[in-house]
Protein backbone atom coordinates (compact mmCIF):
# COMPACT_ATOMS: atom_id res chain seq x y z
CA MET A 1 114.79 96.72 91.21
CA ALA A 2 112.93 99.99 91.46
CA SER A 3 114.79 103.20 92.08
CA LEU A 4 114.26 105.15 95.30
CA THR A 5 111.87 107.53 93.57
CA SER A 6 109.74 107.24 90.48
CA PRO A 7 108.95 109.56 87.63
CA ASN A 8 105.57 111.20 88.20
CA LEU A 9 102.93 109.12 86.49
CA SER A 10 99.15 109.17 86.41
CA ALA A 11 96.79 106.98 84.39
CA GLN A 12 93.19 105.87 84.61
CA ALA A 13 91.13 103.24 82.80
CA THR A 14 87.59 101.93 83.04
CA PHE A 15 86.61 98.28 82.68
CA THR A 16 83.45 96.26 83.08
CA ASN A 17 82.79 93.46 85.54
CA ASN A 18 83.56 90.68 83.10
CA ILE A 19 85.99 88.06 84.44
CA SER A 20 87.50 87.88 80.95
CA HIS A 21 88.73 91.47 81.42
CA LEU A 22 91.05 90.54 84.31
CA PHE A 23 93.94 90.20 81.87
CA HIS A 24 93.40 93.72 80.54
CA MET A 25 93.08 95.19 84.06
CA HIS A 26 96.30 93.43 85.05
CA GLN A 27 98.12 94.61 81.92
CA PHE A 28 97.02 98.22 82.46
CA VAL A 29 98.53 98.30 85.97
CA ARG A 30 101.56 96.21 84.96
CA ARG A 31 102.47 98.68 82.20
CA ALA A 32 102.16 101.62 84.62
CA ALA A 33 104.29 99.84 87.23
CA ILE A 34 107.00 99.12 84.65
CA ASP A 35 106.86 102.74 83.43
CA ALA A 36 107.26 103.84 87.06
CA GLY A 37 110.41 101.71 87.38
CA PHE A 38 109.31 98.43 88.96
CA ALA A 39 110.75 95.10 87.84
CA ASN A 40 111.30 91.57 89.09
CA ILE A 41 109.92 90.70 92.55
CA PRO A 42 108.31 94.07 93.41
CA LEU A 43 106.58 94.06 90.00
CA GLY A 44 105.35 90.52 90.63
CA ASP A 45 104.01 91.57 94.03
CA ILE A 46 102.02 94.40 92.44
CA GLU A 47 100.72 92.13 89.68
CA LEU A 48 99.46 89.41 92.02
CA ALA A 49 97.84 91.93 94.38
CA VAL A 50 96.10 93.58 91.40
CA VAL A 51 94.77 90.30 90.02
CA GLU A 52 93.41 89.40 93.48
CA ALA A 53 91.79 92.81 93.87
CA CYS A 54 90.18 92.72 90.42
CA ALA A 55 88.93 89.17 90.90
CA ASN A 56 87.40 90.15 94.25
CA VAL A 57 85.53 93.08 92.71
CA VAL A 58 84.21 91.00 89.81
CA LYS A 59 83.30 87.94 91.91
CA HIS A 60 82.01 89.64 95.05
CA ALA A 61 81.02 93.29 94.54
CA TYR A 62 79.28 92.43 91.27
CA ARG A 63 78.16 88.90 92.14
CA ASN A 64 74.50 89.81 91.48
CA THR A 65 75.24 91.88 88.38
CA SER A 66 75.34 90.53 84.84
CA PRO A 67 78.76 90.60 83.16
CA ASP A 68 79.58 93.92 81.49
CA GLN A 69 76.85 95.73 83.47
CA GLY A 70 79.12 96.93 86.30
CA ARG A 71 81.93 99.46 86.10
CA ILE A 72 85.42 99.27 87.59
CA GLU A 73 87.72 102.28 87.45
CA ILE A 74 91.40 101.78 88.03
CA ALA A 75 93.64 104.78 88.68
CA VAL A 76 97.40 104.51 89.08
CA THR A 77 99.76 107.19 90.29
CA ALA A 78 103.46 107.22 90.95
CA GLN A 79 104.96 110.12 92.78
CA GLY A 80 108.04 110.35 94.93
CA ASP A 81 108.54 107.03 96.69
CA ARG A 82 104.97 105.72 96.21
CA PHE A 83 103.14 103.77 93.53
CA GLU A 84 99.40 103.69 94.20
CA VAL A 85 96.59 101.73 92.59
CA CYS A 86 93.01 102.75 93.36
CA PHE A 87 90.05 100.58 92.36
CA THR A 88 86.56 102.11 92.41
CA ASP A 89 83.40 100.10 91.89
CA TRP A 90 79.69 100.65 92.36
CA GLY A 91 78.87 97.08 93.33
CA GLU A 92 77.73 95.63 96.63
CA PRO A 93 79.62 96.92 99.68
CA PHE A 94 81.41 94.68 102.13
CA GLU A 95 82.82 95.02 105.60
CA PRO A 96 86.59 95.34 105.16
CA PRO A 97 88.85 93.76 107.75
CA LYS A 98 89.99 95.83 110.68
CA GLY A 99 93.74 95.47 110.57
CA ARG A 100 95.73 92.68 109.00
CA VAL A 101 94.11 89.40 108.02
CA PRO A 102 95.82 86.43 109.68
CA ARG A 103 97.72 83.93 107.55
CA PRO A 104 95.26 81.30 106.32
CA ASP A 105 95.85 77.65 107.17
CA VAL A 106 96.59 76.51 103.62
CA ALA A 107 96.90 72.83 104.57
CA LEU A 108 93.42 72.92 106.13
CA MET A 109 92.01 74.79 103.13
CA VAL A 110 93.42 72.16 100.76
CA SER A 111 92.23 69.23 102.89
CA GLU A 112 88.72 70.70 102.97
CA GLY A 113 88.76 71.45 99.24
CA GLN A 114 88.29 75.17 99.86
CA ARG A 115 88.85 77.42 96.87
CA GLY A 116 89.68 81.06 97.39
CA GLY A 117 89.86 82.92 100.65
CA MET A 118 93.43 84.20 100.40
CA GLY A 119 92.95 87.39 98.37
CA ILE A 120 92.97 89.99 101.13
CA PHE A 121 95.81 88.23 102.95
CA LEU A 122 97.87 88.24 99.74
CA MET A 123 97.10 91.90 98.99
CA GLN A 124 98.14 92.93 102.51
CA SER A 125 101.26 90.77 102.38
CA LEU A 126 102.43 91.94 98.97
CA MET A 127 101.67 95.66 99.17
CA ASP A 128 102.93 98.19 101.73
CA GLU A 129 99.51 99.71 102.39
CA VAL A 130 95.98 98.46 101.71
CA SER A 131 92.89 100.43 102.68
CA TRP A 132 89.21 100.57 101.81
CA ASP A 133 86.67 103.36 101.67
CA ILE A 134 83.26 101.69 101.52
CA ARG A 135 80.24 103.95 101.03
CA PRO A 136 77.10 101.78 100.85
CA GLY A 137 74.73 103.01 98.17
CA ASN A 138 77.49 105.04 96.55
CA GLN A 139 80.87 103.43 95.79
CA ASN A 140 83.60 101.18 97.10
CA GLN A 141 87.28 102.07 96.88
CA LEU A 142 90.33 99.92 97.44
CA ARG A 143 93.66 101.70 97.60
CA MET A 144 96.95 99.76 97.50
CA THR A 145 100.37 101.32 97.76
CA LYS A 146 103.84 99.96 97.02
CA ARG A 147 106.86 102.01 98.03
CA PHE A 148 110.02 102.19 96.02
CA SER A 149 112.90 100.81 98.03
CA ALA A 150 116.63 100.32 97.59
């Protein structure tokens, strides 16, 4: 379990939009989260939210870009009671949801053979804060925060 506050931590890494780099993106954030003091369930929450976020950027923001031609910057910070992960990409913008995404009907999704469609719901469910700053023609940012709790 994470302590109530974390040691100050700041790290940044740059990756390309290759789906094979998801593991490295995940490991970069995982290492930072462990260094900040996360373990067990809160660490797993961060990891799953990060994998969903990275997959969304690669599959959607860079859907019309050849692998390794798009850039994804990941910055992590831990300060006080907050651990924050910020993803920046220069891919295609999207209209982020206004508010929380409702719980998907998983049974219906399975019966219809639907793949995907749960990423934003999972990110919002697993992290304490999720926000986007979309600037068409410039950059897209996704910011996710997990608080340290007792």
